[in-house]
Every structure is written in C-alpha cells, then in structure tokens.
C-alpha cells in the first residue's frame, strides 16, 4: 500500500460561535464522500486542514474535526482495485483522525435488476447518494441535531462542471441541465467547484500525498470519459480558460433556472384544481394561456409531483402541451403516467392509483374508512315536533356543500331506535337511481357522474351507499342523494351521512 503522506497533528482548537449561526449547525455532522481519487482525496485533506465554505452561514471557515465523517462506497466493479481503493480511504481517514464508514454494494447486480435503466454509472451514483443520506441521518440522530443542519460534501470540481455541461448538451437538455452541477442542493454541498482538477493535484503533490487512479476514467465508451479526453482538449485549445468561463455561465443559468422554477411552482399552485395520491388536475384553459416557458415547467412539475421517478424528456412535455392546446385527448408518459384533457381540466395520473376500493358494510351509527384519505361517518338524530324536517335537511345540505346529507332513516332501511348497516361500494355498470330533485325519474349512475364532470378513470373511486349489496341507492357520495330516501315532513328520525378526510379526523 503506497504512503498517503505524513500524519498531520489533530487540530484540537475550538472555535468561537460565529454571530447568527445556530449552535446545531456548529456540531452537526459533515459527511465527506471519498472515492480515493485525486479530487476526493483533496477534499478530505482540505476539510481536515484548511478552511472551506460549506454553506452553513459562516463563509469560508475551518470545520471542527469532531463534525467530520468519511464515507466510501465500494461498488464491487473492479475486483482487487476496488478493494485497494477501500483500504486506501480507510487508512487516509485514520491518518487524519476522521471516522470512516465503508459500504459495499454490488452495483452491477442492481443495474441488471428490473426497474432500472441498466446504466451502471447512474445506479452507482444513486447508491452513493442514498448511502450518504442514510449515514448523515444516522449521525444527525446520534448528535441530537436536525437533519437539515448536516452537510454532505462531494469533491466535484470546475472540470466536472464543464464536462457535465457538455454531457447534458450532447444528450439534449434545458436550462436545468445546462446549469450543470449546482453548488448546493439541499444538504449536498460542493465546496471545490471553483478549483480545477489540476490545482488539486498540484496541492496534493506539494504535500507529498498520493491518490488512487481509476482506469475506467480513461474508457471513452463512457460519456464523461469521452467528453474529458476527446471534447475538452479541443475546446481548451481554442479557449484555455473555458473551464472558468463555463463555471460562470453555469452560475448564471442556475440562478435563472431557480427563478423560473419558483415562478412555475407558484403558477402550478394557482392552476391546481384537484389533487390526490397519484393524481392532479390543472385548469387546462389557463395553462394554455400561460407563457410557454412557464407552461413547460408547470407540466414537468405536475408530472413529477404525481410520479417523482418519471424520466422526462422534452418530447413528453411537448406532447402534453399539444393536448392542452387542442382541448382534448390523452397521451401515455414514462412509468405508466397518463395525461388526459377533459371537462376543461388537464388530468395527470399514475396507473394503479385510481382510488378503487373494496365494498364494505357501514354501521349505523358508526365510522368506516374508505381508503387512506377518506372516512364515512353515520349517526341518527330525532326531529322535535316543532321542527321543519325538510327545511333542516335542505339547510344541512347547503352548509356541507354535498359532503353530508340528512335522509329519512326508515326509507334507508335503518331502524330509528336500534340502527342497522348500509353497503358501500364503487358504482357498477348499468346501475340506476332516482336522483333527488328529479321527482322520481330514474337515471343511469354513469350519466349522473358524467353530468358531475367526474372523469371516467376516477369513477371507480366514487363511493355509492346502498341499502344492501343488491339494494337501492341511498347516496352517491358527494354527488346526489336518492329521491326515495329524502327527508319529508313526516320524517321523525334523520340519518346523517358524512364524508370526512382522514387528516381532519386525526386533527380533531
């Protein structure tokens, strides 16, 4: 094993608390992601011996040694070389007195599994960040500090930023991709973005510190290696300062992208008309009238809100915008996400999350859960002799705006004194009822739901309350009660049916 340089004395100095910096941030963990290459070796050395800006409000400052923790992820892709990288990082961390955690993950096996894109580089990156987040959360809990105060440091340099710019440009991207590697994303901070790979190598040589070389970095079959060895030399021959120039360009694009993202997020909230797990509905007409630069971002954010794992391309977003412009139609998107325009709304939903539920008995009085978000409540209440049952029922319906109804208990098959039970299930094909206000005329449930502008894909989630599994309809929840169950002047006991949200009940 080659020498990793002289042992540096542990810096036991304590720093005064900077003005305005919370105490939690001065003792929260700082995880260093170290592979053993030149850049990450330099990150470890600089974090242990020099001042770095880790975006915690102090600016460029020394990091207390007790906050530091090294993470090395062995991808198990390079046999003996990977084992030697692991041992190198462990020894380097020991020499600087920094705790080190090693994680071993068979990335090749993960990349070949279903549900991945098969790209070993992408899977390896996801594994590294997942392990870093897991370790950081554990260390934060042990230190008794908020997770948000912790930092994960990576060794990305100005060269990485320039290479990523060209990689994304080659693949095809928008402003977010061209802004390349951000200086910070949540807890992940990249304090070496203003330094070049060459500068860091020179620093290590001056200190007599060696590092590990990864042979795959020279394999131009990988896009990054191709850009590094084939594209960058040509560009640098024309402009030797291109790396610094692109870093400035990326900062500008990053700031502008953040501004547009904020504007689109606000517009998305204004256009949102319905939202549930795996589904959202936007005002299609207002979306069509929005500036295209904002409309694209609204659509992208809406899709990712429904399915965060969706890998979107520009063509997917444009296909949705074409639907919006046409005012009708549907299109399939990645990961079984569906976009459809109907009733003046753009519905985006993930298949398999359509709100369907199994039929169940609803006790009266009682409470029953439809799904994770909706609950039905029932109770009985007697009218006084001086009451006007019809007026009370009408006022109740207006107050609850369709979320609760008062019906005649006996007409619903419920004993006014001992109660009973009702059957709740989704609507069935060809089922009919006599909607309240139609004076006994029957109507197909499908027509009633169509009049209520409930999309076909959502109808399996609409609860229909019946006297029994084959009995008459009492209430299409949130839509219409049945005329035969209405409160009349002769009604003595009312049956109240109410739809509540699980969250509201929990808050009570």
Protein backbone atom coordinates (compact mmCIF):
# COMPACT_ATOMS: atom_id res chain seq x y z
CA UNK A 1 0.00 0.00 0.00
CA UNK A 2 1.56 3.36 -1.01
CA UNK A 3 2.10 6.04 1.59
CA UNK A 4 -0.64 8.59 1.95
CA UNK A 5 1.66 11.29 3.26
CA UNK A 6 2.79 12.39 6.69
CA UNK A 7 0.47 12.24 9.63
CA UNK A 8 -0.96 15.64 10.49
CA UNK A 9 -1.42 16.53 14.11
CA UNK A 10 -5.04 16.62 15.16
CA UNK A 11 -6.25 20.19 15.48
CA UNK A 12 -7.79 20.39 18.94
CA UNK A 13 -8.62 24.09 18.75
CA UNK A 14 -12.19 25.13 19.39
CA UNK A 15 -13.82 27.94 17.52
CA UNK A 16 -15.94 30.70 18.93
CA UNK A 17 -19.53 30.56 17.78
CA UNK A 18 -19.97 32.93 14.81
CA UNK A 19 -22.68 35.52 15.22
CA UNK A 20 -26.05 34.44 13.84
CA UNK A 21 -25.10 30.78 13.26
CA UNK A 22 -27.33 28.30 15.17
CA UNK A 23 -25.48 26.07 17.62
CA UNK A 24 -26.92 22.97 15.92
CA UNK A 25 -25.04 23.84 12.73
CA UNK A 26 -21.74 24.04 14.60
CA UNK A 27 -21.98 20.46 15.87
CA UNK A 28 -23.94 18.80 13.07
CA UNK A 29 -22.20 16.07 11.02
CA UNK A 30 -20.29 16.80 7.83
CA UNK A 31 -20.01 13.67 5.69
CA UNK A 32 -17.20 13.56 3.13
CA UNK A 33 -17.83 11.34 0.09
CA UNK A 34 -14.38 9.94 -0.71
CA UNK A 35 -13.61 7.52 -3.54
CA UNK A 36 -9.81 7.69 -3.25
CA UNK A 37 -9.24 9.62 -6.47
CA UNK A 38 -7.30 12.88 -6.54
CA UNK A 39 -10.30 15.20 -6.12
CA UNK A 40 -11.91 13.36 -3.20
CA UNK A 41 -8.53 12.85 -1.53
CA UNK A 42 -8.01 16.60 -1.77
CA UNK A 43 -11.49 17.16 -0.29
CA UNK A 44 -10.60 15.06 2.76
CA UNK A 45 -7.25 16.80 3.22
CA UNK A 46 -8.70 20.30 2.84
CA UNK A 47 -11.65 19.55 5.14
CA UNK A 48 -9.22 18.36 7.82
CA UNK A 49 -6.57 21.07 7.48
CA UNK A 50 -7.98 24.14 5.72
CA UNK A 51 -10.97 26.46 5.54
CA UNK A 52 -13.91 25.52 3.30
CA UNK A 53 -17.24 27.17 2.57
CA UNK A 54 -19.86 24.52 3.30
CA UNK A 55 -22.76 26.97 3.02
CA UNK A 56 -23.67 26.98 6.70
CA UNK A 57 -23.66 30.76 7.12
CA UNK A 58 -20.05 31.08 8.25
CA UNK A 59 -18.49 31.54 4.83
CA UNK A 60 -15.03 30.06 4.39
CA UNK A 61 -14.08 28.58 7.77
CA UNK A 62 -12.39 25.61 9.41
CA UNK A 63 -14.64 22.64 10.15
CA UNK A 64 -14.44 21.26 13.68
CA UNK A 65 -12.75 17.85 13.46
CA UNK A 66 -15.44 16.12 15.53
CA UNK A 67 -18.02 17.01 12.86
CA UNK A 68 -16.20 15.18 10.06
CA UNK A 69 -17.02 11.65 8.91
CA UNK A 70 -15.74 9.87 5.78
CA UNK A 71 -17.95 7.67 3.60
CA UNK A 72 -16.54 5.32 0.96
CA UNK A 73 -18.85 3.18 -1.20
CA UNK A 74 -17.25 0.12 -2.79
CA UNK A 75 -19.22 -0.62 -5.97
CA UNK A 76 -17.52 -4.02 -6.30
CA UNK A 77 -16.97 -3.42 -10.01
CA UNK A 78 -13.16 -3.51 -10.26
CA UNK A 79 -12.09 -6.53 -8.25
CA UNK A 80 -8.75 -6.09 -6.45
CA UNK A 81 -8.52 -2.42 -7.46
CA UNK A 82 -11.79 -1.70 -5.64
CA UNK A 83 -10.52 -3.49 -2.53
CA UNK A 84 -7.33 -1.41 -2.60
CA UNK A 85 -9.34 1.81 -3.04
CA UNK A 86 -11.33 0.88 0.06
CA UNK A 87 -8.21 0.21 2.12
CA UNK A 88 -6.59 3.43 0.89
CA UNK A 89 -9.55 5.55 2.00
CA UNK A 90 -9.75 3.80 5.36
CA UNK A 91 -6.04 4.44 6.02
CA UNK A 92 -6.21 8.06 4.80
CA UNK A 93 -9.12 8.79 7.15
CA UNK A 94 -7.29 7.12 10.04
CA UNK A 95 -4.20 9.24 9.48
CA UNK A 96 -6.27 12.41 9.76
CA UNK A 97 -8.20 11.14 12.76
CA UNK A 98 -11.57 11.08 10.97
CA UNK A 99 -14.11 8.24 11.47
CA UNK A 100 -14.69 6.26 8.29
CA UNK A 101 -17.69 4.21 7.15
CA UNK A 102 -17.34 1.69 4.32
CA UNK A 103 -20.36 0.48 2.38
CA UNK A 104 -20.16 -2.41 -0.09
CA UNK A 105 -22.85 -2.57 -2.79
CA UNK A 106 -22.90 -4.84 -5.85
CA UNK A 107 -23.86 -2.14 -8.33
CA UNK A 108 -23.70 -4.48 -11.34
CA UNK A 109 -26.41 -6.68 -9.84
CA UNK A 110 -28.57 -3.65 -9.01
CA UNK A 111 -28.15 -2.27 -12.53
CA UNK A 112 -29.37 -5.54 -14.05
CA UNK A 113 -32.49 -5.66 -11.87
CA UNK A 114 -35.96 -4.77 -13.13
CA UNK A 115 -36.98 -1.15 -12.68
CA UNK A 116 -33.55 0.32 -13.50
CA UNK A 117 -32.21 1.74 -16.74
CA UNK A 118 -29.30 -0.73 -16.75
CA UNK A 119 -26.78 2.12 -16.64
CA UNK A 120 -24.09 1.17 -14.11
CA UNK A 121 -22.93 4.79 -13.77
CA UNK A 122 -26.42 6.05 -12.93
CA UNK A 123 -27.11 3.24 -10.48
CA UNK A 124 -23.73 3.77 -8.82
CA UNK A 125 -24.45 7.48 -8.38
CA UNK A 126 -27.88 6.78 -6.89
CA UNK A 127 -26.36 4.23 -4.50
CA UNK A 128 -23.65 6.64 -3.32
CA UNK A 129 -26.09 9.43 -2.55
CA UNK A 130 -28.56 7.05 -0.90
CA UNK A 131 -25.81 5.74 1.38
CA UNK A 132 -24.66 9.29 2.14
CA UNK A 133 -28.18 10.35 3.10
CA UNK A 134 -28.65 7.25 5.27
CA UNK A 135 -25.35 7.79 7.11
CA UNK A 136 -25.99 11.52 7.55
CA UNK A 137 -29.42 10.89 9.04
CA UNK A 138 -27.99 8.34 11.47
CA UNK A 139 -25.19 10.68 12.58
CA UNK A 140 -27.65 13.57 12.99
CA UNK A 141 -29.84 11.46 15.25
CA UNK A 142 -26.84 10.38 17.31
CA UNK A 143 -25.75 14.00 17.70
CA UNK A 144 -29.28 15.13 18.55
CA UNK A 145 -29.35 17.79 15.82
CA UNK A 146 -31.84 18.43 12.99
CA UNK A 147 -31.10 16.56 9.78
CA UNK A 148 -31.31 19.81 7.83
CA UNK A 149 -28.25 21.18 9.67
CA UNK A 150 -25.98 18.36 8.42
CA UNK A 151 -23.88 18.57 5.26
CA UNK A 152 -22.79 16.05 2.64
CA UNK A 153 -19.67 17.22 0.80
CA UNK A 154 -18.70 15.96 -2.65
CA UNK A 155 -15.45 16.61 -4.50
CA UNK A 156 -16.86 17.96 -7.77
CA UNK A 157 -14.54 20.47 -9.39
CA UNK A 158 -14.77 23.13 -12.08
CA UNK A 159 -13.70 20.45 -14.57
CA UNK A 160 -16.58 18.20 -13.56
CA UNK A 161 -18.93 21.11 -14.02
CA UNK A 162 -17.65 21.87 -17.52
CA UNK A 163 -17.78 18.19 -18.50
CA UNK A 164 -21.33 17.84 -17.21
CA UNK A 165 -22.35 20.92 -19.20
CA UNK A 166 -21.16 19.29 -22.44
CA UNK A 167 -22.57 15.86 -21.47
CA UNK A 168 -26.03 17.31 -20.94
CA UNK A 169 -25.77 19.36 -24.12
CA UNK A 170 -24.90 16.20 -26.07
CA UNK A 171 -27.86 14.31 -24.58
CA UNK A 172 -30.21 17.26 -25.05
CA UNK A 173 -31.44 19.29 -22.13
CA UNK A 174 -32.95 22.56 -20.89
CA UNK A 175 -31.71 25.33 -18.58
CA UNK A 176 -31.60 23.00 -15.56
CA UNK A 177 -29.27 20.59 -17.36
CA UNK A 178 -27.09 23.37 -18.77
CA UNK A 179 -26.69 24.87 -15.30
CA UNK A 180 -24.77 21.62 -14.72
CA UNK A 181 -23.69 20.80 -11.16
CA UNK A 182 -25.18 23.17 -8.56
CA UNK A 183 -23.09 24.46 -5.69
CA UNK A 184 -25.68 23.21 -3.26
CA UNK A 185 -28.80 21.05 -3.39
CA UNK A 186 -30.48 20.71 -0.02
CA UNK A 187 -27.80 19.22 2.29
CA UNK A 188 -25.37 18.35 -0.51
CA UNK A 189 -22.64 20.97 -0.89
CA UNK A 190 -19.75 21.09 -3.39
CA UNK A 191 -17.06 23.37 -1.93
CA UNK A 192 -14.44 22.64 -4.64
CA UNK A 193 -16.40 23.88 -7.68
CA UNK A 194 -14.10 26.89 -8.04
CA UNK A 195 -10.98 24.72 -8.19
CA UNK A 196 -9.69 22.71 -11.11
CA UNK A 197 -8.54 19.11 -11.05
CA UNK A 198 -5.02 20.27 -11.93
CA UNK A 199 -4.90 22.67 -8.98
CA UNK A 200 -5.94 19.95 -6.56
CA UNK A 201 -3.38 17.52 -7.94
CA UNK A 202 -0.65 20.15 -7.52
CA UNK A 203 -1.75 20.76 -3.95
CA UNK A 204 -1.50 17.05 -3.15
CA UNK A 205 1.92 16.75 -4.77
CA UNK A 206 3.23 19.69 -2.76
CA UNK A 207 2.09 17.96 0.42
CA UNK A 208 3.53 14.62 -0.65
CA UNK A 209 0.17 12.92 -0.75
CA UNK A 210 -0.64 10.27 -3.37
CA UNK A 211 -4.05 9.13 -4.58
CA UNK A 212 -5.70 6.27 -6.42
CA UNK A 213 -6.35 6.23 -10.17
CA UNK A 214 -9.45 4.58 -11.66
CA UNK A 215 -8.67 3.01 -15.04
CA UNK A 216 -12.30 3.34 -16.13
CA UNK A 217 -11.81 7.13 -16.20
CA UNK A 218 -9.87 6.62 -19.44
CA UNK A 219 -12.50 4.42 -21.11
CA UNK A 220 -14.10 6.70 -23.71
CA UNK A 221 -17.05 4.34 -24.09
CA UNK A 222 -18.39 6.22 -21.08
CA UNK A 223 -19.75 9.63 -21.99
CA UNK A 224 -17.87 11.52 -19.26
CA UNK A 225 -14.56 9.98 -20.29
CA UNK A 226 -15.34 10.79 -23.94
CA UNK A 227 -16.02 14.45 -23.08
CA UNK A 228 -12.95 14.63 -20.84
CA UNK A 229 -10.49 13.14 -23.31
CA UNK A 230 -11.99 13.94 -26.72
CA UNK A 231 -14.09 17.10 -26.35
CA UNK A 232 -12.43 19.20 -23.66
CA UNK A 233 -8.90 19.21 -25.21
CA UNK A 234 -10.34 20.56 -28.48
CA UNK A 235 -12.34 23.26 -26.71
CA UNK A 236 -9.42 24.22 -24.43
CA UNK A 237 -7.16 24.57 -27.46
CA UNK A 238 -9.45 27.36 -28.66
CA UNK A 239 -10.03 28.88 -25.20
CA UNK A 240 -7.65 27.84 -22.40
CA UNK A 241 -9.95 29.49 -19.85
CA UNK A 242 -13.09 27.67 -20.98
CA UNK A 243 -13.46 25.81 -17.66
CA UNK A 244 -13.64 29.05 -15.68
CA UNK A 245 -15.91 30.65 -18.31
CA UNK A 246 -18.33 27.74 -18.21
CA UNK A 247 -18.40 27.85 -14.41
CA UNK A 248 -19.59 31.46 -14.57
CA UNK A 249 -22.13 30.53 -17.24
CA UNK A 250 -23.43 27.67 -15.08
CA UNK A 251 -23.85 30.00 -12.10
CA UNK A 252 -25.91 32.42 -14.23
CA UNK A 253 -28.05 29.62 -15.67
CA UNK A 254 -28.53 28.12 -12.22
CA UNK A 255 -29.80 31.42 -10.78
CA UNK A 256 -32.17 31.96 -13.70
CA UNK A 257 -33.39 28.37 -13.55
CA UNK A 258 -34.13 28.75 -9.82
CA UNK A 259 -36.13 31.92 -10.53
CA UNK A 260 -38.19 30.31 -13.30
CA UNK A 261 -38.75 27.23 -11.15
CA UNK A 262 -40.17 29.41 -8.37
CA UNK A 263 -42.46 31.21 -10.82
CA UNK A 264 -43.70 27.91 -12.25
CA UNK A 265 -44.30 26.49 -8.76
CA UNK A 266 -46.47 29.47 -7.88
CA UNK A 267 -48.38 29.17 -11.18
CA UNK A 268 -48.88 25.44 -10.58
CA UNK A 269 -50.49 26.13 -7.22
CA UNK A 270 -52.82 28.66 -8.85
CA UNK A 271 -53.84 26.23 -11.63
CA UNK A 272 -54.31 23.19 -9.38
CA UNK A 273 -57.98 22.19 -9.15
CA UNK A 274 -57.77 18.69 -7.69
CA UNK A 275 -55.01 16.70 -6.04
CA UNK A 276 -54.70 13.22 -4.53
CA UNK A 277 -52.14 10.44 -4.31
CA UNK A 278 -51.12 9.64 -7.87
CA UNK A 279 -53.33 12.30 -9.48
CA UNK A 280 -53.62 16.02 -10.05
CA UNK A 281 -55.90 18.15 -12.22
CA UNK A 282 -54.98 21.57 -13.64
CA UNK A 283 -57.04 24.29 -15.28
CA UNK A 284 -56.31 23.48 -18.94
CA UNK A 285 -57.57 26.79 -20.34
CA UNK A 286 -55.38 28.90 -18.06
CA UNK A 287 -52.43 26.60 -18.71
CA UNK A 288 -52.90 27.07 -22.46
CA UNK A 289 -52.80 30.84 -21.96
CA UNK A 290 -49.56 30.77 -19.94
CA UNK A 291 -46.20 31.71 -21.47
CA UNK A 292 -44.72 28.56 -22.94
CA UNK A 293 -41.53 28.86 -20.86
CA UNK A 294 -43.65 28.66 -17.70
CA UNK A 295 -46.17 26.17 -19.12
CA UNK A 296 -43.39 23.66 -19.85
CA UNK A 297 -42.20 23.87 -16.27
CA UNK A 298 -45.71 23.62 -14.86
CA UNK A 299 -46.32 20.40 -16.79
CA UNK A 300 -42.95 18.96 -15.77
CA UNK A 301 -43.52 19.79 -12.10
CA UNK A 302 -47.05 18.37 -12.18
CA UNK A 303 -45.88 15.08 -13.70
CA UNK A 304 -43.05 14.75 -11.17
CA UNK A 305 -45.49 15.56 -8.38
CA UNK A 306 -47.57 12.56 -9.45
CA UNK A 307 -44.60 10.29 -10.24
CA UNK A 308 -41.25 11.58 -8.85
CA UNK A 309 -39.31 8.78 -10.58
CA UNK A 310 -40.50 9.66 -14.09
CA UNK A 311 -37.61 10.26 -16.50
CA UNK A 312 -38.99 13.06 -18.62
CA UNK A 313 -37.74 14.29 -21.95
CA UNK A 314 -38.72 17.46 -23.80
CA UNK A 315 -40.94 15.45 -26.18
CA UNK A 316 -43.05 14.21 -23.28
CA UNK A 317 -43.75 17.72 -22.03
CA UNK A 318 -44.48 18.97 -25.55
CA UNK A 319 -46.96 16.13 -26.15
CA UNK A 320 -48.91 17.20 -23.05
CA UNK A 321 -48.89 20.84 -24.15
CA UNK A 322 -50.30 19.79 -27.53
CA UNK A 323 -53.22 18.13 -25.72
CA UNK A 324 -53.79 21.31 -23.72
CA UNK A 325 -53.79 23.42 -26.89
CA UNK A 326 -56.26 21.03 -28.58
CA UNK A 327 -58.51 20.97 -25.53
CA UNK A 328 -58.96 17.19 -25.61
CA UNK A 329 -57.17 13.87 -25.97
CA UNK A 330 -54.76 11.73 -23.97
CA UNK A 331 -51.14 10.60 -24.08
CA UNK A 332 -49.07 7.96 -22.26
CA UNK A 333 -45.96 9.15 -20.41
CA UNK A 334 -43.00 7.27 -18.83
CA UNK A 335 -43.61 4.92 -15.88
CA UNK A 336 -47.28 4.40 -16.81
CA UNK A 337 -48.29 8.01 -16.20
CA UNK A 338 -51.32 9.16 -18.20
CA UNK A 339 -52.20 12.74 -19.22
CA UNK A 340 -55.74 13.50 -20.37
CA UNK A 341 -57.69 16.69 -21.11
CA UNK A 342 -61.43 16.58 -20.41
CA UNK A 343 -64.02 18.87 -18.82
CA UNK A 344 -61.61 21.78 -19.24
CA UNK A 345 -59.03 20.16 -16.96
CA UNK A 346 -55.66 18.50 -17.55
CA UNK A 347 -55.64 15.27 -15.53
CA UNK A 348 -52.27 13.67 -14.81
CA UNK A 349 -52.42 10.33 -13.04
CA UNK A 350 -50.26 7.31 -12.32
CA UNK A 351 -51.86 4.00 -13.22
CA UNK A 352 -52.65 1.74 -10.31
CA UNK A 353 -53.50 4.73 -8.08
CA UNK A 354 -57.05 5.29 -9.33
CA UNK A 355 -58.83 5.33 -5.94
CA UNK A 356 -60.63 1.98 -6.36
CA UNK A 357 -61.68 0.27 -3.12
CA UNK A 358 -63.35 -2.92 -1.95
CA UNK A 359 -67.02 -2.91 -0.92
CA UNK A 360 -67.75 -2.92 2.83
CA UNK A 361 -70.58 -2.68 5.39
CA UNK A 362 -71.13 0.71 7.03
CA UNK A 363 -72.58 0.50 10.53
CA UNK A 364 -75.27 3.00 11.59
CA UNK A 365 -74.33 4.75 13.76
CA UNK A 366 -70.61 4.33 13.16
CA UNK A 367 -67.46 5.27 11.29
CA UNK A 368 -65.73 3.43 8.41
CA UNK A 369 -62.62 4.17 6.40
CA UNK A 370 -62.92 4.11 2.60
CA UNK A 371 -59.16 4.42 2.00
CA UNK A 372 -56.15 6.17 3.50
CA UNK A 373 -57.66 9.60 2.89
CA UNK A 374 -61.47 9.30 3.23
CA UNK A 375 -63.77 8.31 6.06
CA UNK A 376 -67.58 7.91 6.22
CA UNK A 377 -69.47 8.79 9.40
CA UNK A 378 -73.10 7.98 10.23
CA UNK A 379 -75.45 8.95 13.04
CA UNK A 380 -79.15 9.12 13.86
CA UNK A 381 -80.97 12.19 15.19
CA UNK A 382 -84.65 12.70 16.03
CA UNK A 383 -86.59 15.77 14.92
CA UNK A 384 -88.57 17.71 17.53
CA UNK A 385 -92.32 18.09 16.96
CA UNK A 386 -91.79 21.80 16.28
CA UNK A 387 -89.08 21.20 13.65
CA UNK A 388 -89.46 21.53 9.90
CA UNK A 389 -87.55 18.39 8.75
CA UNK A 390 -87.48 19.41 5.08
CA UNK A 391 -86.06 22.87 5.80
CA UNK A 392 -83.46 21.46 8.20
CA UNK A 393 -82.34 18.84 5.65
CA UNK A 394 -82.08 21.49 2.92
CA UNK A 395 -80.06 23.85 5.13
CA UNK A 396 -77.78 20.99 6.17
CA UNK A 397 -77.06 20.07 2.55
CA UNK A 398 -76.25 23.67 1.65
CA UNK A 399 -73.96 24.07 4.65
CA UNK A 400 -71.96 20.94 3.85
CA UNK A 401 -71.88 21.56 0.08
CA UNK A 402 -72.55 17.93 -0.78
CA UNK A 403 -70.14 16.39 1.76
CA UNK A 404 -73.00 15.46 4.13
CA UNK A 405 -76.71 14.71 3.75
CA UNK A 406 -79.73 14.17 6.01
CA UNK A 407 -82.01 11.34 4.84
CA UNK A 408 -85.05 9.52 6.21
CA UNK A 409 -83.72 6.65 8.35
CA UNK A 410 -86.68 4.32 7.70
CA UNK A 411 -86.58 4.99 3.94
CA UNK A 412 -82.92 3.90 4.01
CA UNK A 413 -83.83 0.62 5.71
CA UNK A 414 -82.43 1.72 9.10
CA UNK A 415 -84.32 1.10 12.36
CA UNK A 416 -84.70 4.51 14.06
CA UNK A 417 -84.02 3.03 17.51
CA UNK A 418 -81.52 0.20 17.02
CA UNK A 419 -79.75 1.36 13.85
CA UNK A 420 -78.51 -1.05 11.19
CA UNK A 421 -76.00 -1.09 8.36
CA UNK A 422 -75.57 0.01 4.74
CA UNK A 423 -73.44 -1.31 1.89
CA UNK A 424 -70.72 0.89 0.35
CA UNK A 425 -69.04 0.04 -2.98
CA UNK A 426 -68.00 1.68 -6.27
CA UNK A 427 -70.67 2.22 -8.96
CA UNK A 428 -71.50 -0.75 -11.17
CA UNK A 429 -72.19 -0.80 -14.89
CA UNK A 430 -75.84 -0.19 -15.79
CA UNK A 431 -76.82 0.79 -12.24
CA UNK A 432 -79.69 3.29 -11.90
CA UNK A 433 -81.08 5.56 -9.20
CA UNK A 434 -83.71 8.26 -8.76
CA UNK A 435 -81.67 11.45 -8.20
CA UNK A 436 -83.04 13.92 -5.66
CA UNK A 437 -84.84 16.77 -7.41
CA UNK A 438 -85.90 14.74 -10.47
CA UNK A 439 -89.29 13.83 -8.95
CA UNK A 440 -88.86 10.08 -9.15
CA UNK A 441 -87.34 9.86 -12.62
CA UNK A 442 -84.58 7.26 -12.89
CA UNK A 443 -81.11 7.87 -14.29
CA UNK A 444 -78.03 5.79 -15.00
CA UNK A 445 -75.25 6.36 -12.47
CA UNK A 446 -72.83 6.71 -15.37
CA UNK A 447 -74.89 9.61 -16.75
CA UNK A 448 -75.10 11.21 -13.31
CA UNK A 449 -71.33 11.02 -12.87
CA UNK A 450 -70.85 12.35 -16.39
CA UNK A 451 -73.06 15.35 -15.58
CA UNK A 452 -70.97 15.90 -12.43
CA UNK A 453 -67.88 16.03 -14.71
CA UNK A 454 -66.12 13.19 -12.92
CA UNK A 455 -63.57 11.64 -15.33
CA UNK A 456 -64.16 8.00 -16.23
CA UNK A 457 -60.82 6.99 -14.69
CA UNK A 458 -61.89 8.43 -11.31
CA UNK A 459 -65.36 6.88 -11.12
CA UNK A 460 -64.17 3.59 -9.61
CA UNK A 461 -63.22 5.65 -6.56
CA UNK A 462 -66.67 7.20 -6.03
CA UNK A 463 -68.44 5.57 -3.04
CA UNK A 464 -72.07 4.60 -3.61
CA UNK A 465 -74.13 3.83 -0.47
CA UNK A 466 -76.92 1.24 -0.88
CA UNK A 467 -79.39 -0.47 1.44
CA UNK A 468 -77.57 -3.79 0.78
CA UNK A 469 -75.24 -5.21 -1.94
CA UNK A 470 -78.18 -5.59 -4.34
CA UNK A 471 -80.42 -2.91 -2.84
CA UNK A 472 -81.43 0.56 -3.92
CA UNK A 473 -79.02 3.50 -3.94
CA UNK A 474 -79.20 5.83 -0.95
CA UNK A 475 -76.43 8.33 -1.73
CA UNK A 476 -73.78 8.74 -4.41
CA UNK A 477 -71.28 10.27 -2.03
CA UNK A 478 -70.54 13.90 -2.78
CA UNK A 479 -72.78 13.88 -5.86
CA UNK A 480 -76.51 13.25 -5.22
CA UNK A 481 -78.87 11.51 -2.81
CA UNK A 482 -81.77 9.33 -3.96
CA UNK A 483 -85.24 10.87 -4.10
CA UNK A 484 -86.75 7.82 -2.35
CA UNK A 485 -84.56 8.39 0.73
CA UNK A 486 -85.20 12.11 1.11
CA UNK A 487 -86.46 13.73 4.31
CA UNK A 488 -90.18 14.55 4.21
CA UNK A 489 -92.49 16.39 6.59
CA UNK A 490 -93.40 13.02 8.08
CA UNK A 491 -89.78 12.06 8.85
CA UNK A 492 -89.22 11.52 12.56
CA UNK A 493 -85.59 10.31 12.64
CA UNK A 494 -82.88 11.53 10.28
CA UNK A 495 -79.91 9.52 9.09
CA UNK A 496 -76.85 11.72 8.67
CA UNK A 497 -74.18 10.50 6.23
CA UNK A 498 -70.95 12.48 6.14
CA UNK A 499 -67.70 12.25 4.16
CA UNK A 500 -64.64 13.39 6.11
CA UNK A 501 -60.90 13.41 5.39
CA UNK A 502 -58.70 11.11 7.47
CA UNK A 503 -56.42 14.07 8.21
CA UNK A 504 -59.26 16.20 9.55
CA UNK A 505 -60.41 13.43 11.86
CA UNK A 506 -56.85 12.93 13.10
CA UNK A 507 -56.52 16.65 13.84
CA UNK A 508 -59.70 16.68 15.97
